[in-house]
PDB file of N, CA and C in Angstrom:
ATOM      1  N   MET A   1     -48.330  30.024 -56.941  1.00  0.00           N
ATOM      2  CA  MET A   1     -49.064  29.921 -55.865  1.00  0.00           C
ATOM      3  C   MET A   1     -50.611  30.367 -56.847  1.00  0.00           C
ATOM      4  N   PRO A   2     -51.627  30.528 -56.238  1.00  0.00           N
ATOM      5  CA  PRO A   2     -52.849  30.486 -56.903  1.00  0.00           C
ATOM      6  C   PRO A   2     -52.807  31.964 -56.722  1.00  0.00           C
ATOM      7  N   GLU A   3     -53.728  32.540 -57.636  1.00  0.00           N
ATOM      8  CA  GLU A   3     -53.846  34.251 -57.712  1.00  0.00           C
ATOM      9  C   GLU A   3     -55.112  34.888 -56.767  1.00  0.00           C
ATOM     10  N   TRP A   4     -55.990  33.753 -56.196  1.00  0.00           N
ATOM     11  CA  TRP A   4     -57.255  34.041 -55.451  1.00  0.00           C
ATOM     12  C   TRP A   4     -56.953  33.448 -54.061  1.00  0.00           C
ATOM     13  N   GLU A   5     -57.733  33.873 -53.069  1.00  0.00           N
ATOM     14  CA  GLU A   5     -57.825  33.240 -51.815  1.00  0.00           C
ATOM     15  C   GLU A   5     -59.443  33.633 -51.610  1.00  0.00           C
ATOM     16  N   PHE A   6     -59.969  32.622 -50.906  1.00  0.00           N
ATOM     17  CA  PHE A   6     -61.392  32.160 -50.982  1.00  0.00           C
ATOM     18  C   PHE A   6     -61.668  32.356 -49.212  1.00  0.00           C
ATOM     19  N   VAL A   7     -62.685  33.002 -48.886  1.00  0.00           N
ATOM     20  CA  VAL A   7     -63.208  32.534 -47.440  1.00  0.00           C
ATOM     21  C   VAL A   7     -64.711  32.007 -47.738  1.00  0.00           C
ATOM     22  N   LYS A   8     -65.528  31.162 -46.564  1.00  0.00           N
ATOM     23  CA  LYS A   8     -66.879  30.515 -46.722  1.00  0.00           C
ATOM     24  C   LYS A   8     -67.470  31.174 -45.543  1.00  0.00           C
ATOM     25  N   ILE A   9     -68.620  31.368 -45.935  1.00  0.00           N
ATOM     26  CA  ILE A   9     -69.480  31.665 -44.769  1.00  0.00           C
ATOM     27  C   ILE A   9     -70.910  30.863 -44.391  1.00  0.00           C
ATOM     28  N   ASN A  10     -71.066  30.075 -43.656  1.00  0.00           N
ATOM     29  CA  ASN A  10     -72.399  29.530 -43.456  1.00  0.00           C
ATOM     30  C   ASN A  10     -73.011  30.104 -42.471  1.00  0.00           C
ATOM     31  N   TYR A  11     -74.636  30.783 -42.925  1.00  0.00           N
ATOM     32  CA  TYR A  11     -75.122  31.779 -42.515  1.00  0.00           C
ATOM     33  C   TYR A  11     -76.354  31.027 -42.040  1.00  0.00           C
ATOM     34  N   ALA A  12     -76.766  30.665 -40.597  1.00  0.00           N
ATOM     35  CA  ALA A  12     -77.758  29.964 -40.046  1.00  0.00           C
ATOM     36  C   ALA A  12     -78.685  30.388 -39.237  1.00  0.00           C
ATOM     37  N   GLN A  13     -79.799  30.002 -39.156  1.00  0.00           N
ATOM     38  CA  GLN A  13     -80.746  30.025 -37.600  1.00  0.00           C
ATOM     39  C   GLN A  13     -80.197  29.014 -37.006  1.00  0.00           C
ATOM     40  N   GLU A  14     -80.210  29.303 -35.725  1.00  0.00           N
ATOM     41  CA  GLU A  14     -80.185  28.183 -34.729  1.00  0.00           C
ATOM     42  C   GLU A  14     -80.521  28.805 -33.376  1.00  0.00           C
ATOM     43  N   GLY A  15     -80.323  27.868 -32.639  1.00  0.00           N
ATOM     44  CA  GLY A  15     -81.181  28.361 -30.943  1.00  0.00           C
ATOM     45  C   GLY A  15     -79.742  28.995 -30.439  1.00  0.00           C
ATOM     46  N   SER A  16     -80.025  29.647 -29.635  1.00  0.00           N
ATOM     47  CA  SER A  16     -79.479  30.407 -28.863  1.00  0.00           C
ATOM     48  C   SER A  16     -78.726  29.857 -27.677  1.00  0.00           C
ATOM     49  N   THR A  17     -77.484  29.841 -27.412  1.00  0.00           N
ATOM     50  CA  THR A  17     -76.658  29.683 -25.955  1.00  0.00           C
ATOM     51  C   THR A  17     -77.048  30.321 -25.072  1.00  0.00           C
ATOM     52  N   SER A  18     -77.055  31.728 -25.236  1.00  0.00           N
ATOM     53  CA  SER A  18     -77.361  32.412 -23.895  1.00  0.00           C
ATOM     54  C   SER A  18     -78.519  32.660 -23.413  1.00  0.00           C
ATOM     55  N   LYS A  19     -79.528  32.728 -24.899  1.00  0.00           N
ATOM     56  CA  LYS A  19     -81.006  32.619 -24.286  1.00  0.00           C
ATOM     57  C   LYS A  19     -81.861  31.739 -24.896  1.00  0.00           C
ATOM     58  N   PRO A  20     -82.068  30.162 -24.098  1.00  0.00           N
ATOM     59  CA  PRO A  20     -82.460  29.218 -24.416  1.00  0.00           C
ATOM     60  C   PRO A  20     -83.981  29.680 -24.896  1.00  0.00           C
ATOM     61  N   GLY A  21     -84.338  28.869 -25.533  1.00  0.00           N
ATOM     62  CA  GLY A  21     -85.500  28.570 -26.418  1.00  0.00           C
ATOM     63  C   GLY A  21     -85.617  30.000 -27.505  1.00  0.00           C
ATOM     64  N   THR A  22     -84.641  30.798 -27.742  1.00  0.00           N
ATOM     65  CA  THR A  22     -84.595  31.726 -28.756  1.00  0.00           C
ATOM     66  C   THR A  22     -83.711  31.236 -29.862  1.00  0.00           C
ATOM     67  N   MET A  23     -84.362  31.530 -30.928  1.00  0.00           N
ATOM     68  CA  MET A  23     -83.846  31.186 -32.199  1.00  0.00           C
ATOM     69  C   MET A  23     -82.822  32.613 -32.964  1.00  0.00           C
ATOM     70  N   ILE A  24     -81.330  32.476 -33.109  1.00  0.00           N
ATOM     71  CA  ILE A  24     -80.589  34.008 -33.878  1.00  0.00           C
ATOM     72  C   ILE A  24     -80.371  33.281 -34.840  1.00  0.00           C
ATOM     73  N   TRP A  25     -79.653  34.270 -35.413  1.00  0.00           N
ATOM     74  CA  TRP A  25     -78.906  33.836 -36.758  1.00  0.00           C
ATOM     75  C   TRP A  25     -77.110  33.931 -36.557  1.00  0.00           C
ATOM     76  N   SER A  26     -76.698  33.185 -36.846  1.00  0.00           N
ATOM     77  CA  SER A  26     -75.422  32.769 -36.729  1.00  0.00           C
ATOM     78  C   SER A  26     -74.471  33.077 -38.062  1.00  0.00           C
ATOM     79  N   ALA A  27     -73.355  33.492 -38.144  1.00  0.00           N
ATOM     80  CA  ALA A  27     -72.240  33.424 -39.470  1.00  0.00           C
ATOM     81  C   ALA A  27     -71.160  32.359 -38.878  1.00  0.00           C
ATOM     82  N   ALA A  28     -70.893  31.319 -39.675  1.00  0.00           N
ATOM     83  CA  ALA A  28     -69.739  30.639 -39.585  1.00  0.00           C
ATOM     84  C   ALA A  28     -68.478  30.590 -40.417  1.00  0.00           C
ATOM     85  N   ILE A  29     -67.162  31.635 -40.274  1.00  0.00           N
ATOM     86  CA  ILE A  29     -66.630  31.811 -41.440  1.00  0.00           C
ATOM     87  C   ILE A  29     -65.338  31.310 -41.199  1.00  0.00           C
ATOM     88  N   LYS A  30     -65.040  30.341 -42.367  1.00  0.00           N
ATOM     89  CA  LYS A  30     -63.851  29.915 -42.537  1.00  0.00           C
ATOM     90  C   LYS A  30     -62.715  30.773 -43.483  1.00  0.00           C
ATOM     91  N   TRP A  31     -61.544  31.200 -42.581  1.00  0.00           N
ATOM     92  CA  TRP A  31     -60.677  32.233 -43.094  1.00  0.00           C
ATOM     93  C   TRP A  31     -59.838  31.442 -43.934  1.00  0.00           C
ATOM     94  N   PRO A  32     -59.520  31.803 -44.871  1.00  0.00           N
ATOM     95  CA  PRO A  32     -58.208  31.152 -45.460  1.00  0.00           C
ATOM     96  C   PRO A  32     -56.870  31.150 -44.392  1.00  0.00           C
ATOM     97  N   HIS A  33     -56.413  29.471 -44.232  1.00  0.00           N
ATOM     98  CA  HIS A  33     -55.344  29.179 -43.335  1.00  0.00           C
ATOM     99  C   HIS A  33     -55.840  29.153 -42.262  1.00  0.00           C
ATOM    100  N   ALA A  34     -56.973  29.411 -41.727  1.00  0.00           N
ATOM    101  CA  ALA A  34     -57.249  29.665 -40.271  1.00  0.00           C
ATOM    102  C   ALA A  34     -58.143  27.799 -39.686  1.00  0.00           C
ATOM    103  N   ASP A  35     -57.359  27.746 -38.830  1.00  0.00           N
ATOM    104  CA  ASP A  35     -57.458  26.250 -38.219  1.00  0.00           C
ATOM    105  C   ASP A  35     -58.493  26.133 -37.494  1.00  0.00           C
ATOM    106  N   ARG A  36     -59.391  27.350 -36.824  1.00  0.00           N
ATOM    107  CA  ARG A  36     -61.014  27.492 -36.438  1.00  0.00           C
ATOM    108  C   ARG A  36     -62.084  28.364 -37.287  1.00  0.00           C
ATOM    109  N   LEU A  37     -63.029  27.884 -36.583  1.00  0.00           N
ATOM    110  CA  LEU A  37     -64.046  28.966 -37.538  1.00  0.00           C
ATOM    111  C   LEU A  37     -64.373  30.213 -36.868  1.00  0.00           C
ATOM    112  N   ASP A  38     -64.456  30.958 -37.306  1.00  0.00           N
ATOM    113  CA  ASP A  38     -64.716  32.496 -36.659  1.00  0.00           C
ATOM    114  C   ASP A  38     -66.198  32.603 -36.306  1.00  0.00           C
ATOM    115  N   ILE A  39     -67.060  32.405 -35.250  1.00  0.00           N
ATOM    116  CA  ILE A  39     -68.303  32.403 -35.367  1.00  0.00           C
ATOM    117  C   ILE A  39     -68.715  33.447 -34.751  1.00  0.00           C
ATOM    118  N   ARG A  40     -69.768  34.200 -35.104  1.00  0.00           N
ATOM    119  CA  ARG A  40     -70.441  35.289 -34.930  1.00  0.00           C
ATOM    120  C   ARG A  40     -71.987  35.330 -34.760  1.00  0.00           C
ATOM    121  N   GLU A  41     -72.622  35.856 -33.599  1.00  0.00           N
ATOM    122  CA  GLU A  41     -73.939  34.997 -33.355  1.00  0.00           C
ATOM    123  C   GLU A  41     -74.515  36.628 -33.363  1.00  0.00           C
ATOM    124  N   GLU A  42     -76.208  36.450 -33.599  1.00  0.00           N
ATOM    125  CA  GLU A  42     -76.811  37.466 -33.618  1.00  0.00           C
ATOM    126  C   GLU A  42     -76.534  38.540 -34.541  1.00  0.00           C
ATOM    127  N   VAL A  43     -76.402  38.206 -35.833  1.00  0.00           N
ATOM    128  CA  VAL A  43     -75.293  39.052 -36.766  1.00  0.00           C
ATOM    129  C   VAL A  43     -76.642  38.824 -37.814  1.00  0.00           C
ATOM    130  N   ARG A  44     -76.392  40.064 -38.418  1.00  0.00           N
ATOM    131  CA  ARG A  44     -77.199  40.015 -39.912  1.00  0.00           C
ATOM    132  C   ARG A  44     -75.930  40.034 -41.226  1.00  0.00           C
ATOM    133  N   ILE A  45     -76.344  39.223 -42.104  1.00  0.00           N
ATOM    134  CA  ILE A  45     -75.592  38.683 -43.449  1.00  0.00           C
ATOM    135  C   ILE A  45     -75.136  39.879 -43.903  1.00  0.00           C
ATOM    136  N   GLU A  46     -76.074  41.096 -43.939  1.00  0.00           N
ATOM    137  CA  GLU A  46     -75.650  42.142 -45.134  1.00  0.00           C
ATOM    138  C   GLU A  46     -74.372  42.816 -43.998  1.00  0.00           C
ATOM    139  N   ASP A  47     -74.551  43.073 -42.690  1.00  0.00           N
ATOM    140  CA  ASP A  47     -73.459  43.494 -42.033  1.00  0.00           C
ATOM    141  C   ASP A  47     -71.984  42.686 -42.076  1.00  0.00           C
ATOM    142  N   VAL A  48     -72.112  41.612 -42.031  1.00  0.00           N
ATOM    143  CA  VAL A  48     -70.914  40.212 -42.361  1.00  0.00           C
ATOM    144  C   VAL A  48     -70.318  40.781 -43.439  1.00  0.00           C
ATOM    145  N   LEU A  49     -71.191  40.567 -44.657  1.00  0.00           N
ATOM    146  CA  LEU A  49     -70.608  41.024 -46.100  1.00  0.00           C
ATOM    147  C   LEU A  49     -70.367  42.449 -46.369  1.00  0.00           C
ATOM    148  N   ASN A  50     -70.583  43.300 -45.784  1.00  0.00           N
ATOM    149  CA  ASN A  50     -70.116  44.704 -45.945  1.00  0.00           C
ATOM    150  C   ASN A  50     -68.931  44.452 -45.260  1.00  0.00           C
ATOM    151  N   GLU A  51     -68.864  44.067 -44.175  1.00  0.00           N
ATOM    152  CA  GLU A  51     -67.255  44.023 -43.485  1.00  0.00           C
ATOM    153  C   GLU A  51     -66.471  43.586 -44.384  1.00  0.00           C
ATOM    154  N   LEU A  52     -66.571  42.198 -44.533  1.00  0.00           N
ATOM    155  CA  LEU A  52     -65.961  41.585 -45.624  1.00  0.00           C
ATOM    156  C   LEU A  52     -65.453  42.395 -46.718  1.00  0.00           C
ATOM    157  N   ASN A  53     -66.421  43.305 -47.464  1.00  0.00           N
ATOM    158  CA  ASN A  53     -66.016  44.018 -48.673  1.00  0.00           C
ATOM    159  C   ASN A  53     -65.333  45.270 -48.750  1.00  0.00           C
ATOM    160  N   ARG A  54     -65.429  45.696 -47.304  1.00  0.00           N
ATOM    161  CA  ARG A  54     -64.142  46.729 -46.922  1.00  0.00           C
ATOM    162  C   ARG A  54     -62.955  46.182 -47.198  1.00  0.00           C
ATOM    163  N   GLN A  55     -62.906  44.554 -46.773  1.00  0.00           N
ATOM    164  CA  GLN A  55     -61.844  44.245 -46.864  1.00  0.00           C
ATOM    165  C   GLN A  55     -61.039  43.759 -48.139  1.00  0.00           C
ATOM    166  N   GLY A  56     -61.768  43.906 -49.200  1.00  0.00           N
ATOM    167  CA  GLY A  56     -61.310  43.668 -50.543  1.00  0.00           C
ATOM    168  C   GLY A  56     -62.385  42.304 -51.048  1.00  0.00           C
ATOM    169  N   TRP A  57     -62.938  41.663 -50.051  1.00  0.00           N
ATOM    170  CA  TRP A  57     -63.742  40.423 -50.736  1.00  0.00           C
ATOM    171  C   TRP A  57     -64.591  40.663 -51.428  1.00  0.00           C
ATOM    172  N   GLU A  58     -65.019  40.081 -52.435  1.00  0.00           N
ATOM    173  CA  GLU A  58     -66.257  39.658 -53.305  1.00  0.00           C
ATOM    174  C   GLU A  58     -66.819  38.907 -53.409  1.00  0.00           C
ATOM    175  N   LEU A  59     -68.396  38.989 -53.203  1.00  0.00           N
ATOM    176  CA  LEU A  59     -68.931  37.893 -53.573  1.00  0.00           C
ATOM    177  C   LEU A  59     -69.056  37.176 -54.676  1.00  0.00           C
ATOM    178  N   VAL A  60     -68.700  35.796 -54.639  1.00  0.00           N
ATOM    179  CA  VAL A  60     -68.659  35.181 -56.175  1.00  0.00           C
ATOM    180  C   VAL A  60     -70.072  33.578 -55.931  1.00  0.00           C
ATOM    181  N   SER A  61     -70.556  33.508 -54.592  1.00  0.00           N
ATOM    182  CA  SER A  61     -71.429  32.394 -55.145  1.00  0.00           C
ATOM    183  C   SER A  61     -72.204  32.341 -53.616  1.00  0.00           C
ATOM    184  N   GLN A  62     -73.746  31.796 -53.546  1.00  0.00           N
ATOM    185  CA  GLN A  62     -74.607  31.928 -52.572  1.00  0.00           C
ATOM    186  C   GLN A  62     -75.415  30.771 -53.015  1.00  0.00           C
ATOM    187  N   GLU A  63     -75.881  29.668 -52.059  1.00  0.00           N
ATOM    188  CA  GLU A  63     -76.138  28.415 -52.396  1.00  0.00           C
ATOM    189  C   GLU A  63     -76.749  28.121 -51.053  1.00  0.00           C
ATOM    190  N   PRO A  64     -77.975  27.257 -51.544  1.00  0.00           N
ATOM    191  CA  PRO A  64     -78.847  26.759 -50.160  1.00  0.00           C
ATOM    192  C   PRO A  64     -77.730  25.995 -49.487  1.00  0.00           C
ATOM    193  N   ALA A  65     -77.833  25.596 -48.168  1.00  0.00           N
ATOM    194  CA  ALA A  65     -76.623  24.548 -47.655  1.00  0.00           C
ATOM    195  C   ALA A  65     -77.817  23.858 -46.818  1.00  0.00           C
ATOM    196  N   LEU A  66     -77.155  22.783 -46.502  1.00  0.00           N
ATOM    197  CA  LEU A  66     -77.473  21.511 -45.362  1.00  0.00           C
ATOM    198  C   LEU A  66     -78.280  22.026 -44.154  1.00  0.00           C
ATOM    199  N   GLY A  67     -79.774  21.746 -44.087  1.00  0.00           N
ATOM    200  CA  GLY A  67     -80.194  22.400 -42.773  1.00  0.00           C
ATOM    201  C   GLY A  67     -81.130  23.234 -43.260  1.00  0.00           C
ATOM    202  N   ILE A  68     -82.236  23.871 -42.414  1.00  0.00           N
ATOM    203  CA  ILE A  68     -82.911  24.549 -42.236  1.00  0.00           C
ATOM    204  C   ILE A  68     -82.750  25.886 -42.022  1.00  0.00           C
ATOM    205  N   ASN A  69     -83.034  26.630 -42.767  1.00  0.00           N
ATOM    206  CA  ASN A  69     -82.622  28.300 -43.071  1.00  0.00           C
ATOM    207  C   ASN A  69     -80.964  28.179 -42.783  1.00  0.00           C
ATOM    208  N   SER A  70     -80.366  27.780 -43.848  1.00  0.00           N
ATOM    209  CA  SER A  70     -78.723  27.604 -43.971  1.00  0.00           C
ATOM    210  C   SER A  70     -78.237  28.155 -45.293  1.00  0.00           C
ATOM    211  N   THR A  71     -77.888  29.289 -45.373  1.00  0.00           N
ATOM    212  CA  THR A  71     -76.952  29.669 -46.949  1.00  0.00           C
ATOM    213  C   THR A  71     -75.570  29.724 -46.835  1.00  0.00           C
ATOM    214  N   ASP A  72     -74.855  28.943 -47.676  1.00  0.00           N
ATOM    215  CA  ASP A  72     -73.249  28.982 -47.987  1.00  0.00           C
ATOM    216  C   ASP A  72     -72.952  30.345 -48.869  1.00  0.00           C
ATOM    217  N   TYR A  73     -72.346  31.154 -48.165  1.00  0.00           N
ATOM    218  CA  TYR A  73     -71.516  31.943 -49.465  1.00  0.00           C
ATOM    219  C   TYR A  73     -70.037  31.582 -49.505  1.00  0.00           C
ATOM    220  N   THR A  74     -69.523  32.129 -50.615  1.00  0.00           N
ATOM    221  CA  THR A  74     -68.146  32.039 -50.800  1.00  0.00           C
ATOM    222  C   THR A  74     -67.435  33.378 -51.556  1.00  0.00           C
ATOM    223  N   LEU A  75     -66.962  34.172 -50.707  1.00  0.00           N
ATOM    224  CA  LEU A  75     -66.155  35.229 -51.300  1.00  0.00           C
ATOM    225  C   LEU A  75     -64.488  34.957 -51.466  1.00  0.00           C
ATOM    226  N   LYS A  76     -63.874  35.818 -52.712  1.00  0.00           N
ATOM    227  CA  LYS A  76     -62.623  35.526 -52.855  1.00  0.00           C
ATOM    228  C   LYS A  76     -62.025  37.438 -53.224  1.00  0.00           C
ATOM    229  N   ARG A  77     -60.711  37.345 -53.198  1.00  0.00           N
ATOM    230  CA  ARG A  77     -59.984  38.550 -53.198  1.00  0.00           C
ATOM    231  C   ARG A  77     -58.550  37.852 -53.830  1.00  0.00           C
ATOM    232  N   ARG A  78     -57.653  38.935 -54.240  1.00  0.00           N
ATOM    233  CA  ARG A  78     -56.359  38.441 -54.939  1.00  0.00           C
ATOM    234  C   ARG A  78     -55.657  38.395 -53.376  1.00  0.00           C
ATOM    235  N   ARG A  79     -55.217  37.396 -53.726  1.00  0.00           N
ATOM    236  CA  ARG A  79     -54.243  37.064 -52.628  1.00  0.00           C
ATOM    237  C   ARG A  79     -52.778  38.047 -52.535  1.00  0.00           C
ATOM    238  N   LYS A  80     -52.696  38.792 -51.452  1.00  0.00           N
ATOM    239  CA  LYS A  80     -51.648  39.560 -51.266  1.00  0.00           C
ATOM    240  C   LYS A  80     -50.133  39.037 -51.117  1.00  0.00           C
TER     241      LYS A  80
END
């Protein structure tokens, strides 16, 4: 079994579904072994990263993603 587990976050600016015509920042989190994305709308990336850090996750990469105003983050922690 691998020593590490990873979580991926796509942080992007997109149109709001609750406020048409408004742009918001959203985080789509892919947890290990999860079938669905954890979507969080109207969040700051700093808050998401701080929350994951408190859970033991460590940022290992940050890269531009496809699309305008979109960034991919990868975090890791020791497998429990």
